[in-house]
Amino acid sequence: MRWGATRGGAGDRVDRKGEKPMWRRLPVRQICCVAPLLLVVALVFWRWPMVDSGTAQLGSADREWLLLAAGAAVLTWVCSATAQQGAVLEQLPPWRLLATSFAASAANHILPAGVGGNAVSLRFLVRCGLSPSRSAAALTVRAVAGGIVRVALLLVLLLAFPHALTVHRVGVHGRPDNSLVIGVAVLVCAVVAGLAGVRRVRTMLRSFLGTLATDVRAVHGRSARVAALWAGSLAFPVAHAAVLVAAVRALHAPVPAAHVAVAYLAGSAAAALLPTPGGLGSLDVALGLALVTAGTTAVVATSAVLAYRLVTVWLPLVPGVLVLAALVRRRVL
């Protein structure tokens, strides 16, 4: 009997060895996508008076500045289309490219980590005659150029305005605000999600590294493509920062525009690590904290983030989905 029990135990050990550890079976990506949303919901309930005051203050905002914010939001789609044209050698149909950029922005707020927007752009490039590998390489060229420009722009502004962000402003009378704890938890989730995706990103880049290198050399051999790629990549975050600056100006907050721009670049860089649809939750918390460190009050920061989301997400969302459906129906996508 003891021998049978021993054999059974050995068999159990073999089965257990064949299984993956419990921590490797956890849906880390799904948890990291849902956790920030839950944390934001908790933050809303925890700080409901501040959110309510921010919404009320947004109702009395300057309409002219909000219109300027909407105009800057429209420019973001033009900048995205310009950068995409600069990433390929072929001449893309300009109006279809602009419509695709608008539709991709709507799809980007439905699926996480830019999956929706990249899928729409990839389909458009394939429909224009590019191979799937070259289309993926073109998207990567645009993404890499955008990342380089964002980091360089943030470093330049931080060197020019070293006191633009001051962390102690987040606290009240030397004690940290409760919302900061939730914000730190969101950033921890962002780091976990970023680490979880490193291996997959490396595999993807390695699969078409040769095509990417060839396209980079070819694109940078044409001055028109170089200008479109880098000018569009630079103008894209500048236009988004302009939306946030106009939102803060609409609320009559006495914060320098350069400080608000630094807050946007820092907040969007922190939120980019977390794969949530359109940065929902992660970008809101990161922008709110960054604006507070830039010198706004918590109420103004909440109102500014609401205004930023209104003109960049909620107002264009339904028209963007309709344009997406029209492009699919006309076989542009």
C-alpha atoms as a PDB file:
ATOM      1  CA  MET A   1       0.000   0.000   0.000  1.00  0.00           C
ATOM      2  CA  ARG A   2       2.793   2.364   0.785  1.00  0.00           C
ATOM      3  CA  TRP A   3       4.404   1.505  -2.566  1.00  0.00           C
ATOM      4  CA  GLY A   4       1.182   2.399  -4.454  1.00  0.00           C
ATOM      5  CA  ALA A   5       0.867   5.617  -2.545  1.00  0.00           C
ATOM      6  CA  THR A   6       4.465   6.416  -3.407  1.00  0.00           C
ATOM      7  CA  ARG A   7       3.862   5.785  -7.085  1.00  0.00           C
ATOM      8  CA  GLY A   8       0.747   7.895  -7.021  1.00  0.00           C
ATOM      9  CA  GLY A   9       2.639  10.684  -5.326  1.00  0.00           C
ATOM     10  CA  ALA A  10       5.418  10.489  -7.928  1.00  0.00           C
ATOM     11  CA  GLY A  11       2.866  10.651 -10.704  1.00  0.00           C
ATOM     12  CA  ASP A  12       1.322  13.656  -9.088  1.00  0.00           C
ATOM     13  CA  ARG A  13       4.722  15.256  -8.939  1.00  0.00           C
ATOM     14  CA  VAL A  14       5.312  14.613 -12.635  1.00  0.00           C
ATOM     15  CA  ASP A  15       1.924  16.158 -13.487  1.00  0.00           C
ATOM     16  CA  ARG A  16       2.685  19.136 -11.349  1.00  0.00           C
ATOM     17  CA  LYS A  17       6.054  19.571 -13.074  1.00  0.00           C
ATOM     18  CA  GLY A  18       4.352  19.620 -16.452  1.00  0.00           C
ATOM     19  CA  GLU A  19       2.040  22.424 -15.424  1.00  0.00           C
ATOM     20  CA  LYS A  20       2.940  26.095 -15.545  1.00  0.00           C
ATOM     21  CA  PRO A  21       3.387  27.927 -12.261  1.00  0.00           C
ATOM     22  CA  MET A  22       0.278  29.616 -10.936  1.00  0.00           C
ATOM     23  CA  TRP A  23       1.679  33.122 -11.476  1.00  0.00           C
ATOM     24  CA  ARG A  24       2.379  32.363 -15.140  1.00  0.00           C
ATOM     25  CA  ARG A  25      -1.229  31.268 -15.715  1.00  0.00           C
ATOM     26  CA  LEU A  26      -2.632  34.538 -14.434  1.00  0.00           C
ATOM     27  CA  PRO A  27      -4.041  36.843 -17.151  1.00  0.00           C
ATOM     28  CA  VAL A  28      -1.581  39.626 -16.357  1.00  0.00           C
ATOM     29  CA  ARG A  29      -2.479  41.761 -19.363  1.00  0.00           C
ATOM     30  CA  GLN A  30      -6.210  41.520 -18.711  1.00  0.00           C
ATOM     31  CA  ILE A  31      -5.704  42.341 -15.036  1.00  0.00           C
ATOM     32  CA  CYS A  32      -3.551  45.357 -15.932  1.00  0.00           C
ATOM     33  CA  CYS A  33      -6.190  46.579 -18.383  1.00  0.00           C
ATOM     34  CA  VAL A  34      -9.058  46.304 -15.900  1.00  0.00           C
ATOM     35  CA  ALA A  35      -7.240  47.409 -12.734  1.00  0.00           C
ATOM     36  CA  PRO A  36      -6.771  51.079 -13.742  1.00  0.00           C
ATOM     37  CA  LEU A  37     -10.423  51.382 -14.708  1.00  0.00           C
ATOM     38  CA  LEU A  38     -11.466  50.008 -11.332  1.00  0.00           C
ATOM     39  CA  LEU A  39      -9.027  52.334  -9.610  1.00  0.00           C
ATOM     40  CA  VAL A  40     -10.423  55.323 -11.484  1.00  0.00           C
ATOM     41  CA  VAL A  41     -13.964  54.330 -10.504  1.00  0.00           C
ATOM     42  CA  ALA A  42     -12.789  54.118  -6.889  1.00  0.00           C
ATOM     43  CA  LEU A  43     -11.104  57.506  -7.257  1.00  0.00           C
ATOM     44  CA  VAL A  44     -14.305  59.053  -8.624  1.00  0.00           C
ATOM     45  CA  PHE A  45     -16.334  57.780  -5.658  1.00  0.00           C
ATOM     46  CA  TRP A  46     -13.589  58.699  -3.185  1.00  0.00           C
ATOM     47  CA  ARG A  47     -13.197  62.225  -4.521  1.00  0.00           C
ATOM     48  CA  TRP A  48     -16.744  62.782  -5.777  1.00  0.00           C
ATOM     49  CA  PRO A  49     -17.059  66.353  -4.404  1.00  0.00           C
ATOM     50  CA  MET A  50     -13.942  67.360  -6.351  1.00  0.00           C
ATOM     51  CA  VAL A  51     -15.206  65.673  -9.548  1.00  0.00           C
ATOM     52  CA  ASP A  52     -18.604  67.307  -9.126  1.00  0.00           C
ATOM     53  CA  SER A  53     -16.996  70.720  -8.635  1.00  0.00           C
ATOM     54  CA  GLY A  54     -14.804  70.154 -11.684  1.00  0.00           C
ATOM     55  CA  THR A  55     -17.820  69.304 -13.835  1.00  0.00           C
ATOM     56  CA  ALA A  56     -19.665  72.398 -12.621  1.00  0.00           C
ATOM     57  CA  GLN A  57     -16.636  74.590 -13.315  1.00  0.00           C
ATOM     58  CA  LEU A  58     -16.390  73.174 -16.825  1.00  0.00           C
ATOM     59  CA  GLY A  59     -19.926  74.403 -17.462  1.00  0.00           C
ATOM     60  CA  SER A  60     -18.769  77.996 -16.949  1.00  0.00           C
ATOM     61  CA  ALA A  61     -15.610  77.669 -19.056  1.00  0.00           C
ATOM     62  CA  ASP A  62     -14.700  80.151 -21.776  1.00  0.00           C
ATOM     63  CA  ARG A  63     -16.365  78.972 -25.008  1.00  0.00           C
ATOM     64  CA  GLU A  64     -13.773  80.590 -27.284  1.00  0.00           C
ATOM     65  CA  TRP A  65     -10.924  78.673 -25.693  1.00  0.00           C
ATOM     66  CA  LEU A  66     -12.934  75.452 -25.933  1.00  0.00           C
ATOM     67  CA  LEU A  67     -13.429  76.111 -29.650  1.00  0.00           C
ATOM     68  CA  LEU A  68      -9.677  76.577 -30.001  1.00  0.00           C
ATOM     69  CA  ALA A  69      -9.202  73.268 -28.193  1.00  0.00           C
ATOM     70  CA  ALA A  70     -11.556  71.599 -30.680  1.00  0.00           C
ATOM     71  CA  GLY A  71      -9.597  73.125 -33.575  1.00  0.00           C
ATOM     72  CA  ALA A  72      -6.334  71.783 -32.161  1.00  0.00           C
ATOM     73  CA  ALA A  73      -7.976  68.346 -31.826  1.00  0.00           C
ATOM     74  CA  VAL A  74      -8.822  68.411 -35.551  1.00  0.00           C
ATOM     75  CA  LEU A  75      -5.170  69.192 -36.302  1.00  0.00           C
ATOM     76  CA  THR A  76      -4.097  66.006 -34.501  1.00  0.00           C
ATOM     77  CA  TRP A  77      -5.723  63.893 -37.237  1.00  0.00           C
ATOM     78  CA  VAL A  78      -4.004  65.950 -39.953  1.00  0.00           C
ATOM     79  CA  CYS A  79      -0.653  65.512 -38.182  1.00  0.00           C
ATOM     80  CA  SER A  80      -1.190  61.763 -37.846  1.00  0.00           C
ATOM     81  CA  ALA A  81      -2.011  61.445 -41.554  1.00  0.00           C
ATOM     82  CA  THR A  82       1.048  63.529 -42.486  1.00  0.00           C
ATOM     83  CA  ALA A  83       3.358  61.353 -40.405  1.00  0.00           C
ATOM     84  CA  GLN A  84       1.874  58.202 -41.937  1.00  0.00           C
ATOM     85  CA  GLN A  85       2.479  59.533 -45.463  1.00  0.00           C
ATOM     86  CA  GLY A  86       6.070  60.255 -44.517  1.00  0.00           C
ATOM     87  CA  ALA A  87       6.577  56.666 -43.370  1.00  0.00           C
ATOM     88  CA  VAL A  88       5.943  55.126 -46.819  1.00  0.00           C
ATOM     89  CA  LEU A  89       7.467  55.712 -50.252  1.00  0.00           C
ATOM     90  CA  GLU A  90       4.202  55.372 -52.182  1.00  0.00           C
ATOM     91  CA  GLN A  91       1.886  58.334 -52.587  1.00  0.00           C
ATOM     92  CA  LEU A  92      -1.263  57.637 -50.559  1.00  0.00           C
ATOM     93  CA  PRO A  93      -4.655  59.148 -51.492  1.00  0.00           C
ATOM     94  CA  PRO A  94      -4.729  62.208 -49.219  1.00  0.00           C
ATOM     95  CA  TRP A  95      -8.438  62.452 -48.410  1.00  0.00           C
ATOM     96  CA  ARG A  96      -8.770  58.733 -47.787  1.00  0.00           C
ATOM     97  CA  LEU A  97      -5.655  58.889 -45.629  1.00  0.00           C
ATOM     98  CA  LEU A  98      -7.154  61.725 -43.572  1.00  0.00           C
ATOM     99  CA  ALA A  99     -10.484  59.891 -43.223  1.00  0.00           C
ATOM    100  CA  THR A 100      -8.632  56.748 -42.168  1.00  0.00           C
ATOM    101  CA  SER A 101      -6.694  58.732 -39.567  1.00  0.00           C
ATOM    102  CA  PHE A 102      -9.978  60.057 -38.166  1.00  0.00           C
ATOM    103  CA  ALA A 103     -11.543  56.576 -38.152  1.00  0.00           C
ATOM    104  CA  ALA A 104      -8.424  55.072 -36.555  1.00  0.00           C
ATOM    105  CA  SER A 105      -8.635  57.567 -33.689  1.00  0.00           C
ATOM    106  CA  ALA A 106     -12.179  56.352 -32.963  1.00  0.00           C
ATOM    107  CA  ALA A 107     -11.137  52.687 -33.164  1.00  0.00           C
ATOM    108  CA  ASN A 108      -8.236  53.481 -30.854  1.00  0.00           C
ATOM    109  CA  HIS A 109     -10.676  54.360 -28.071  1.00  0.00           C
ATOM    110  CA  ILE A 110     -12.528  51.065 -28.375  1.00  0.00           C
ATOM    111  CA  LEU A 111      -9.691  48.523 -28.285  1.00  0.00           C
ATOM    112  CA  PRO A 112      -6.656  48.606 -25.938  1.00  0.00           C
ATOM    113  CA  ALA A 113      -3.046  49.566 -26.612  1.00  0.00           C
ATOM    114  CA  GLY A 114      -3.732  51.142 -29.985  1.00  0.00           C
ATOM    115  CA  VAL A 115      -4.853  47.808 -31.447  1.00  0.00           C
ATOM    116  CA  GLY A 116      -7.927  49.317 -33.113  1.00  0.00           C
ATOM    117  CA  GLY A 117      -6.133  52.287 -34.659  1.00  0.00           C
ATOM    118  CA  ASN A 118      -3.202  50.196 -35.865  1.00  0.00           C
ATOM    119  CA  ALA A 119      -5.554  47.596 -37.360  1.00  0.00           C
ATOM    120  CA  VAL A 120      -7.420  50.290 -39.314  1.00  0.00           C
ATOM    121  CA  SER A 121      -4.177  51.886 -40.546  1.00  0.00           C
ATOM    122  CA  LEU A 122      -2.690  48.505 -41.436  1.00  0.00           C
ATOM    123  CA  ARG A 123      -5.776  47.557 -43.435  1.00  0.00           C
ATOM    124  CA  PHE A 124      -5.683  50.895 -45.278  1.00  0.00           C
ATOM    125  CA  LEU A 125      -2.034  50.497 -46.260  1.00  0.00           C
ATOM    126  CA  VAL A 126      -2.634  46.954 -47.493  1.00  0.00           C
ATOM    127  CA  ARG A 127      -5.584  48.205 -49.564  1.00  0.00           C
ATOM    128  CA  CYS A 128      -3.251  50.816 -51.059  1.00  0.00           C
ATOM    129  CA  GLY A 129      -1.013  48.042 -52.422  1.00  0.00           C
ATOM    130  CA  LEU A 130       1.612  47.614 -49.697  1.00  0.00           C
ATOM    131  CA  SER A 131       2.447  44.130 -48.455  1.00  0.00           C
ATOM    132  CA  PRO A 132       1.479  43.266 -44.857  1.00  0.00           C
ATOM    133  CA  SER A 133       5.131  43.276 -43.767  1.00  0.00           C
ATOM    134  CA  ARG A 134       5.797  46.680 -45.341  1.00  0.00           C
ATOM    135  CA  SER A 135       2.565  48.041 -43.877  1.00  0.00           C
ATOM    136  CA  ALA A 136       3.595  46.869 -40.409  1.00  0.00           C
ATOM    137  CA  ALA A 137       7.043  48.371 -40.954  1.00  0.00           C
ATOM    138  CA  ALA A 138       5.476  51.709 -41.943  1.00  0.00           C
ATOM    139  CA  LEU A 139       3.412  51.762 -38.744  1.00  0.00           C
ATOM    140  CA  THR A 140       6.529  50.952 -36.739  1.00  0.00           C
ATOM    141  CA  VAL A 141       8.522  53.728 -38.418  1.00  0.00           C
ATOM    142  CA  ARG A 142       5.788  56.223 -37.542  1.00  0.00           C
ATOM    143  CA  ALA A 143       5.540  54.941 -33.952  1.00  0.00           C
ATOM    144  CA  VAL A 144       9.305  55.036 -33.396  1.00  0.00           C
ATOM    145  CA  ALA A 145       9.570  58.539 -34.850  1.00  0.00           C
ATOM    146  CA  GLY A 146       6.708  59.673 -32.627  1.00  0.00           C
ATOM    147  CA  GLY A 147       8.325  58.165 -29.536  1.00  0.00           C
ATOM    148  CA  ILE A 148      11.694  59.775 -30.273  1.00  0.00           C
ATOM    149  CA  VAL A 149      10.078  63.169 -30.824  1.00  0.00           C
ATOM    150  CA  ARG A 150       8.023  62.948 -27.612  1.00  0.00           C
ATOM    151  CA  VAL A 151      11.015  62.047 -25.459  1.00  0.00           C
ATOM    152  CA  ALA A 152      13.207  64.719 -27.060  1.00  0.00           C
ATOM    153  CA  LEU A 153      10.496  67.355 -26.696  1.00  0.00           C
ATOM    154  CA  LEU A 154       9.919  66.465 -23.046  1.00  0.00           C
ATOM    155  CA  LEU A 155      13.646  66.621 -22.265  1.00  0.00           C
ATOM    156  CA  VAL A 156      14.026  69.988 -24.008  1.00  0.00           C
ATOM    157  CA  LEU A 157      11.082  71.486 -22.133  1.00  0.00           C
ATOM    158  CA  LEU A 158      12.292  70.100 -18.807  1.00  0.00           C
ATOM    159  CA  LEU A 159      15.714  71.639 -19.408  1.00  0.00           C
ATOM    160  CA  ALA A 160      14.127  74.954 -20.363  1.00  0.00           C
ATOM    161  CA  PHE A 161      11.582  74.873 -17.520  1.00  0.00           C
ATOM    162  CA  PRO A 162      13.106  72.734 -14.723  1.00  0.00           C
ATOM    163  CA  HIS A 163      10.460  73.811 -12.208  1.00  0.00           C
ATOM    164  CA  ALA A 164       7.472  73.128 -14.435  1.00  0.00           C
ATOM    165  CA  LEU A 165       6.493  70.067 -12.382  1.00  0.00           C
ATOM    166  CA  THR A 166       6.721  70.193  -8.583  1.00  0.00           C
ATOM    167  CA  VAL A 167       5.719  66.986  -6.825  1.00  0.00           C
ATOM    168  CA  HIS A 168       5.031  68.528  -3.400  1.00  0.00           C
ATOM    169  CA  ARG A 169       2.041  70.381  -4.866  1.00  0.00           C
ATOM    170  CA  VAL A 170       0.142  67.081  -4.948  1.00  0.00           C
ATOM    171  CA  GLY A 171       0.069  66.992  -1.160  1.00  0.00           C
ATOM    172  CA  VAL A 172      -1.988  69.193   1.122  1.00  0.00           C
ATOM    173  CA  HIS A 173      -0.260  70.744   4.173  1.00  0.00           C
ATOM    174  CA  GLY A 174       2.597  68.278   3.923  1.00  0.00           C
ATOM    175  CA  ARG A 175       0.319  65.252   3.850  1.00  0.00           C
ATOM    176  CA  PRO A 176      -0.111  63.285   0.633  1.00  0.00           C
ATOM    177  CA  ASP A 177      -3.537  63.419  -0.959  1.00  0.00           C
ATOM    178  CA  ASN A 178      -5.455  60.148  -1.006  1.00  0.00           C
ATOM    179  CA  SER A 179      -5.775  60.351  -4.772  1.00  0.00           C
ATOM    180  CA  LEU A 180      -1.991  60.186  -5.053  1.00  0.00           C
ATOM    181  CA  VAL A 181      -2.064  56.667  -3.591  1.00  0.00           C
ATOM    182  CA  ILE A 182      -4.472  55.563  -6.299  1.00  0.00           C
ATOM    183  CA  GLY A 183      -2.380  57.295  -8.933  1.00  0.00           C
ATOM    184  CA  VAL A 184       0.752  55.473  -7.758  1.00  0.00           C
ATOM    185  CA  ALA A 185      -1.151  52.178  -7.929  1.00  0.00           C
ATOM    186  CA  VAL A 186      -2.083  52.952 -11.533  1.00  0.00           C
ATOM    187  CA  LEU A 187       1.556  53.623 -12.390  1.00  0.00           C
ATOM    188  CA  VAL A 188       2.573  50.321 -10.753  1.00  0.00           C
ATOM    189  CA  CYS A 189       0.068  48.533 -12.985  1.00  0.00           C
ATOM    190  CA  ALA A 190       1.562  50.384 -15.939  1.00  0.00           C
ATOM    191  CA  VAL A 191       5.041  49.094 -15.131  1.00  0.00           C
ATOM    192  CA  VAL A 192       3.737  45.524 -14.797  1.00  0.00           C
ATOM    193  CA  ALA A 193       1.922  45.772 -18.128  1.00  0.00           C
ATOM    194  CA  GLY A 194       4.999  47.201 -19.797  1.00  0.00           C
ATOM    195  CA  LEU A 195       7.183  44.373 -18.518  1.00  0.00           C
ATOM    196  CA  ALA A 196       4.616  41.807 -19.635  1.00  0.00           C
ATOM    197  CA  GLY A 197       4.683  43.103 -23.191  1.00  0.00           C
ATOM    198  CA  VAL A 198       8.455  43.405 -23.675  1.00  0.00           C
ATOM    199  CA  ARG A 199       8.982  39.870 -24.978  1.00  0.00           C
ATOM    200  CA  ARG A 200       6.135  40.113 -27.464  1.00  0.00           C
ATOM    201  CA  VAL A 201       7.341  43.479 -28.739  1.00  0.00           C
ATOM    202  CA  ARG A 202      10.848  42.088 -29.239  1.00  0.00           C
ATOM    203  CA  THR A 203       9.498  39.113 -31.171  1.00  0.00           C
ATOM    204  CA  MET A 204       7.388  41.340 -33.395  1.00  0.00           C
ATOM    205  CA  LEU A 205      10.271  43.694 -34.164  1.00  0.00           C
ATOM    206  CA  ARG A 206      12.639  40.819 -34.889  1.00  0.00           C
ATOM    207  CA  SER A 207      10.221  39.262 -37.408  1.00  0.00           C
ATOM    208  CA  PHE A 208      10.357  42.173 -39.845  1.00  0.00           C
ATOM    209  CA  LEU A 209      13.589  43.898 -38.841  1.00  0.00           C
ATOM    210  CA  GLY A 210      15.041  43.558 -42.324  1.00  0.00           C
ATOM    211  CA  THR A 211      12.012  45.130 -43.996  1.00  0.00           C
ATOM    212  CA  LEU A 212      11.976  47.905 -41.427  1.00  0.00           C
ATOM    213  CA  ALA A 213      15.640  48.775 -41.972  1.00  0.00           C
ATOM    214  CA  THR A 214      15.147  48.833 -45.745  1.00  0.00           C
ATOM    215  CA  ASP A 215      12.116  51.118 -45.504  1.00  0.00           C
ATOM    216  CA  VAL A 216      13.853  53.478 -43.068  1.00  0.00           C
ATOM    217  CA  ARG A 217      16.774  53.929 -45.454  1.00  0.00           C
ATOM    218  CA  ALA A 218      14.467  54.409 -48.435  1.00  0.00           C
ATOM    219  CA  VAL A 219      12.211  56.927 -46.657  1.00  0.00           C
ATOM    220  CA  HIS A 220      15.141  58.963 -45.392  1.00  0.00           C
ATOM    221  CA  GLY A 221      16.511  59.102 -48.914  1.00  0.00           C
ATOM    222  CA  ARG A 222      13.672  61.438 -49.925  1.00  0.00           C
ATOM    223  CA  SER A 223      13.556  64.880 -48.370  1.00  0.00           C
ATOM    224  CA  ALA A 224       9.778  65.201 -48.804  1.00  0.00           C
ATOM    225  CA  ARG A 225       9.162  61.975 -46.869  1.00  0.00           C
ATOM    226  CA  VAL A 226      11.631  62.986 -44.141  1.00  0.00           C
ATOM    227  CA  ALA A 227       9.884  66.330 -43.706  1.00  0.00           C
ATOM    228  CA  ALA A 228       6.427  64.733 -43.586  1.00  0.00           C
ATOM    229  CA  LEU A 229       7.459  62.011 -41.134  1.00  0.00           C
ATOM    230  CA  TRP A 230       9.277  64.165 -38.607  1.00  0.00           C
ATOM    231  CA  ALA A 231       7.142  67.291 -38.958  1.00  0.00           C
ATOM    232  CA  GLY A 232       3.958  65.258 -38.515  1.00  0.00           C
ATOM    233  CA  SER A 233       5.454  63.359 -35.577  1.00  0.00           C
ATOM    234  CA  LEU A 234       6.455  66.635 -33.915  1.00  0.00           C
ATOM    235  CA  ALA A 235       3.186  68.439 -34.604  1.00  0.00           C
ATOM    236  CA  PHE A 236       1.058  65.574 -33.254  1.00  0.00           C
ATOM    237  CA  PRO A 237       2.028  65.896 -29.536  1.00  0.00           C
ATOM    238  CA  VAL A 238       2.230  69.685 -29.909  1.00  0.00           C
ATOM    239  CA  ALA A 239      -1.394  69.744 -31.091  1.00  0.00           C
ATOM    240  CA  HIS A 240      -2.485  67.522 -28.196  1.00  0.00           C
ATOM    241  CA  ALA A 241      -0.620  69.753 -25.758  1.00  0.00           C
ATOM    242  CA  ALA A 242      -2.364  72.750 -27.342  1.00  0.00           C
ATOM    243  CA  VAL A 243      -5.723  71.110 -26.631  1.00  0.00           C
ATOM    244  CA  LEU A 244      -4.820  70.813 -22.956  1.00  0.00           C
ATOM    245  CA  VAL A 245      -3.414  74.355 -22.828  1.00  0.00           C
ATOM    246  CA  ALA A 246      -6.639  75.724 -24.329  1.00  0.00           C
ATOM    247  CA  ALA A 247      -8.676  73.713 -21.827  1.00  0.00           C
ATOM    248  CA  VAL A 248      -6.698  75.162 -18.920  1.00  0.00           C
ATOM    249  CA  ARG A 249      -7.009  78.673 -20.382  1.00  0.00           C
ATOM    250  CA  ALA A 250     -10.766  78.181 -20.727  1.00  0.00           C
ATOM    251  CA  LEU A 251     -10.886  77.639 -16.961  1.00  0.00           C
ATOM    252  CA  HIS A 252      -8.886  80.853 -16.321  1.00  0.00           C
ATOM    253  CA  ALA A 253      -6.127  78.988 -14.479  1.00  0.00           C
ATOM    254  CA  PRO A 254      -2.928  81.093 -14.096  1.00  0.00           C
ATOM    255  CA  VAL A 255      -0.547  78.338 -15.227  1.00  0.00           C
ATOM    256  CA  PRO A 256       2.075  79.011 -17.934  1.00  0.00           C
ATOM    257  CA  ALA A 257       1.407  77.236 -21.227  1.00  0.00           C
ATOM    258  CA  ALA A 258       4.874  75.672 -21.182  1.00  0.00           C
ATOM    259  CA  HIS A 259       4.165  74.062 -17.797  1.00  0.00           C
ATOM    260  CA  VAL A 260       0.897  72.626 -19.100  1.00  0.00           C
ATOM    261  CA  ALA A 261       2.731  71.264 -22.152  1.00  0.00           C
ATOM    262  CA  VAL A 262       5.302  69.578 -19.903  1.00  0.00           C
ATOM    263  CA  ALA A 263       2.448  68.149 -17.835  1.00  0.00           C
ATOM    264  CA  TYR A 264       0.843  66.684 -20.972  1.00  0.00           C
ATOM    265  CA  LEU A 265       4.075  65.121 -22.238  1.00  0.00           C
ATOM    266  CA  ALA A 266       4.917  63.662 -18.822  1.00  0.00           C
ATOM    267  CA  GLY A 267       1.397  62.392 -18.199  1.00  0.00           C
ATOM    268  CA  SER A 268       0.992  60.843 -21.650  1.00  0.00           C
ATOM    269  CA  ALA A 269       4.425  59.205 -21.386  1.00  0.00           C
ATOM    270  CA  ALA A 270       3.440  57.585 -18.082  1.00  0.00           C
ATOM    271  CA  ALA A 271       0.051  56.497 -19.424  1.00  0.00           C
ATOM    272  CA  ALA A 272       1.542  55.049 -22.634  1.00  0.00           C
ATOM    273  CA  LEU A 273       2.876  52.071 -20.676  1.00  0.00           C
ATOM    274  CA  LEU A 274      -0.616  50.885 -19.821  1.00  0.00           C
ATOM    275  CA  PRO A 275      -2.685  49.167 -22.555  1.00  0.00           C
ATOM    276  CA  THR A 276      -6.146  50.579 -21.888  1.00  0.00           C
ATOM    277  CA  PRO A 277      -8.530  51.711 -24.645  1.00  0.00           C
ATOM    278  CA  GLY A 278      -7.497  55.245 -25.571  1.00  0.00           C
ATOM    279  CA  GLY A 279      -5.607  55.517 -22.280  1.00  0.00           C
ATOM    280  CA  LEU A 280      -8.946  55.491 -20.443  1.00  0.00           C
ATOM    281  CA  GLY A 281      -8.211  55.701 -16.750  1.00  0.00           C
ATOM    282  CA  SER A 282      -4.426  55.714 -16.991  1.00  0.00           C
ATOM    283  CA  LEU A 283      -4.177  58.925 -19.032  1.00  0.00           C
ATOM    284  CA  ASP A 284      -6.856  60.669 -16.960  1.00  0.00           C
ATOM    285  CA  VAL A 285      -5.057  59.994 -13.688  1.00  0.00           C
ATOM    286  CA  ALA A 286      -1.622  60.772 -15.130  1.00  0.00           C
ATOM    287  CA  LEU A 287      -2.772  64.057 -16.682  1.00  0.00           C
ATOM    288  CA  GLY A 288      -4.595  65.058 -13.505  1.00  0.00           C
ATOM    289  CA  LEU A 289      -1.538  64.454 -11.336  1.00  0.00           C
ATOM    290  CA  ALA A 290       0.755  66.170 -13.841  1.00  0.00           C
ATOM    291  CA  LEU A 291      -1.473  69.251 -13.985  1.00  0.00           C
ATOM    292  CA  VAL A 292      -1.519  69.487 -10.195  1.00  0.00           C
ATOM    293  CA  THR A 293       2.284  69.315 -10.130  1.00  0.00           C
ATOM    294  CA  ALA A 294       2.300  72.038 -12.810  1.00  0.00           C
ATOM    295  CA  GLY A 295       0.432  74.398 -10.473  1.00  0.00           C
ATOM    296  CA  THR A 296      -3.306  73.916 -11.002  1.00  0.00           C
ATOM    297  CA  THR A 297      -5.737  73.010  -8.259  1.00  0.00           C
ATOM    298  CA  ALA A 298      -7.266  69.539  -8.153  1.00  0.00           C
ATOM    299  CA  VAL A 299     -10.643  70.919  -9.262  1.00  0.00           C
ATOM    300  CA  VAL A 300      -9.145  72.770 -12.237  1.00  0.00           C
ATOM    301  CA  ALA A 301      -7.090  69.695 -13.169  1.00  0.00           C
ATOM    302  CA  THR A 302     -10.245  67.575 -13.140  1.00  0.00           C
ATOM    303  CA  SER A 303     -12.120  70.102 -15.282  1.00  0.00           C
ATOM    304  CA  ALA A 304      -9.221  70.389 -17.735  1.00  0.00           C
ATOM    305  CA  VAL A 305      -8.987  66.614 -18.156  1.00  0.00           C
ATOM    306  CA  LEU A 306     -12.748  66.444 -18.712  1.00  0.00           C
ATOM    307  CA  ALA A 307     -12.517  69.169 -21.368  1.00  0.00           C
ATOM    308  CA  TYR A 308      -9.545  67.439 -23.015  1.00  0.00           C
ATOM    309  CA  ARG A 309     -11.454  64.162 -23.161  1.00  0.00           C
ATOM    310  CA  LEU A 310     -14.572  65.908 -24.435  1.00  0.00           C
ATOM    311  CA  VAL A 311     -12.927  67.387 -27.545  1.00  0.00           C
ATOM    312  CA  THR A 312     -10.504  64.529 -28.291  1.00  0.00           C
ATOM    313  CA  VAL A 313     -12.684  61.490 -27.513  1.00  0.00           C
ATOM    314  CA  TRP A 314     -16.371  61.903 -26.800  1.00  0.00           C
ATOM    315  CA  LEU A 315     -17.403  64.470 -29.427  1.00  0.00           C
ATOM    316  CA  PRO A 316     -15.501  62.805 -32.339  1.00  0.00           C
ATOM    317  CA  LEU A 317     -16.293  59.234 -31.263  1.00  0.00           C
ATOM    318  CA  VAL A 318     -19.662  58.756 -32.976  1.00  0.00           C
ATOM    319  CA  PRO A 319     -18.638  60.580 -36.198  1.00  0.00           C
ATOM    320  CA  GLY A 320     -15.420  58.565 -36.209  1.00  0.00           C
ATOM    321  CA  VAL A 321     -17.311  55.275 -35.952  1.00  0.00           C
ATOM    322  CA  LEU A 322     -19.631  56.382 -38.782  1.00  0.00           C
ATOM    323  CA  VAL A 323     -16.633  57.267 -40.974  1.00  0.00           C
ATOM    324  CA  LEU A 324     -15.086  53.897 -40.134  1.00  0.00           C
ATOM    325  CA  ALA A 325     -18.274  52.101 -41.199  1.00  0.00           C
ATOM    326  CA  ALA A 326     -18.412  54.128 -44.424  1.00  0.00           C
ATOM    327  CA  LEU A 327     -14.787  53.286 -45.260  1.00  0.00           C
ATOM    328  CA  VAL A 328     -15.461  49.598 -44.693  1.00  0.00           C
ATOM    329  CA  ARG A 329     -18.608  49.723 -46.807  1.00  0.00           C
ATOM    330  CA  ARG A 330     -16.738  51.419 -49.678  1.00  0.00           C
ATOM    331  CA  ARG A 331     -13.910  48.843 -49.415  1.00  0.00           C
ATOM    332  CA  VAL A 332     -11.344  51.467 -48.531  1.00  0.00           C
ATOM    333  CA  LEU A 333     -10.583  49.277 -45.510  1.00  0.00           C
END
